[in-house]
Protein backbone atom coordinates (compact mmCIF):
# COMPACT_ATOMS: atom_id res chain seq x y z
CA UNK A 1 0.00 0.00 0.00
CA UNK A 2 2.87 2.36 0.70
CA UNK A 3 4.21 1.86 -2.84
CA UNK A 4 0.75 2.53 -4.18
CA UNK A 5 0.50 5.75 -2.18
CA UNK A 6 3.97 6.79 -3.36
CA UNK A 7 3.02 6.29 -7.01
CA UNK A 8 -0.17 8.29 -6.53
CA UNK A 9 1.75 11.19 -5.02
CA UNK A 10 4.28 11.07 -7.87
CA UNK A 11 1.46 11.21 -10.44
CA UNK A 12 -0.05 14.18 -8.63
CA UNK A 13 3.30 16.00 -8.59
CA UNK A 14 3.83 15.32 -12.29
CA UNK A 15 0.41 16.74 -13.08
CA UNK A 16 1.20 19.81 -10.96
CA UNK A 17 4.41 20.31 -12.98
CA UNK A 18 2.50 19.70 -16.24
CA UNK A 19 4.70 16.71 -17.04
CA UNK A 20 1.93 14.67 -18.66
CA UNK A 21 4.14 12.03 -20.25
CA UNK A 22 5.73 11.06 -16.95
CA UNK A 23 2.33 11.15 -15.22
CA UNK A 24 1.00 8.69 -17.79
CA UNK A 25 4.01 6.40 -17.38
CA UNK A 26 3.64 6.40 -13.60
CA UNK A 27 -0.12 5.86 -13.75
CA UNK A 28 0.40 2.72 -15.83
CA UNK A 29 2.54 1.25 -13.06
CA UNK A 30 -0.51 1.25 -10.80
CA UNK A 31 -2.43 -2.00 -11.06
CA UNK A 32 -6.18 -1.43 -10.93
CA UNK A 33 -6.61 -5.11 -10.02
CA UNK A 34 -5.95 -4.01 -6.46
CA UNK A 35 -9.30 -2.20 -6.51
CA UNK A 36 -11.13 -5.34 -7.58
CA UNK A 37 -9.95 -7.36 -4.59
CA UNK A 38 -12.88 -8.35 -2.43
CA UNK A 39 -11.94 -7.92 1.24
CA UNK A 40 -15.05 -9.81 2.36
CA UNK A 41 -13.78 -13.09 0.88
CA UNK A 42 -12.56 -15.54 3.44
CA UNK A 43 -8.79 -15.53 3.63
CA UNK A 44 -6.77 -18.69 3.82
CA UNK A 45 -5.19 -19.53 7.11
CA UNK A 46 -1.46 -18.87 6.91
CA UNK A 47 0.72 -21.93 6.83
CA UNK A 48 3.69 -22.28 9.08
CA UNK A 49 6.53 -20.15 7.68
CA UNK A 50 4.25 -17.82 5.70
CA UNK A 51 4.53 -14.12 6.37
CA UNK A 52 1.50 -12.74 8.14
CA UNK A 53 0.28 -9.51 6.57
CA UNK A 54 -0.25 -6.80 9.13
CA UNK A 55 -2.82 -4.02 8.91
CA UNK A 56 -1.70 -0.83 7.21
CA UNK A 57 -0.42 1.96 9.46
CA UNK A 58 -2.86 4.71 10.40
CA UNK A 59 -1.20 7.27 8.08
CA UNK A 60 -2.04 5.23 4.95
CA UNK A 61 -5.57 5.74 3.60
CA UNK A 62 -7.95 2.83 3.09
CA UNK A 63 -8.18 1.02 -0.22
CA UNK A 64 -11.43 2.81 -1.02
CA UNK A 65 -9.79 6.19 -0.40
CA UNK A 66 -6.79 5.24 -2.58
CA UNK A 67 -9.19 4.20 -5.33
CA UNK A 68 -10.94 7.56 -5.15
CA UNK A 69 -7.62 9.45 -5.29
CA UNK A 70 -6.44 7.36 -8.26
CA UNK A 71 -9.56 8.01 -10.31
CA UNK A 72 -9.58 11.72 -9.44
CA UNK A 73 -6.00 11.98 -10.72
CA UNK A 74 -6.89 10.11 -13.92
CA UNK A 75 -9.84 12.44 -14.53
CA UNK A 76 -7.57 15.42 -13.95
CA UNK A 77 -5.00 13.96 -16.37
CA UNK A 78 -7.57 13.48 -19.15
CA UNK A 79 -9.04 16.95 -18.62
CA UNK A 80 -5.60 18.57 -18.80
CA UNK A 81 -4.77 16.67 -21.98
CA UNK A 82 -7.97 17.88 -23.61
CA UNK A 83 -7.12 21.51 -22.75
CA UNK A 84 -3.72 21.37 -24.42
């Protein structure tokens, strides 16, 4: 999630600097499959030796919030491209 948040902030900064090519490249590194993950599905019990995933720290937004930020940035990107 931290990598995802980092990529989103880099896309936002590129859009602020009007570097649309780099913003597009960075936005393609974000996998939208993450948004399709269903958290309500029952998770498998970890086997011995598997890493147990911990909850995200409080400073990282929820997946729903990250999804909203991503799509807002993509809308902003498309609108800025249409203006130029």
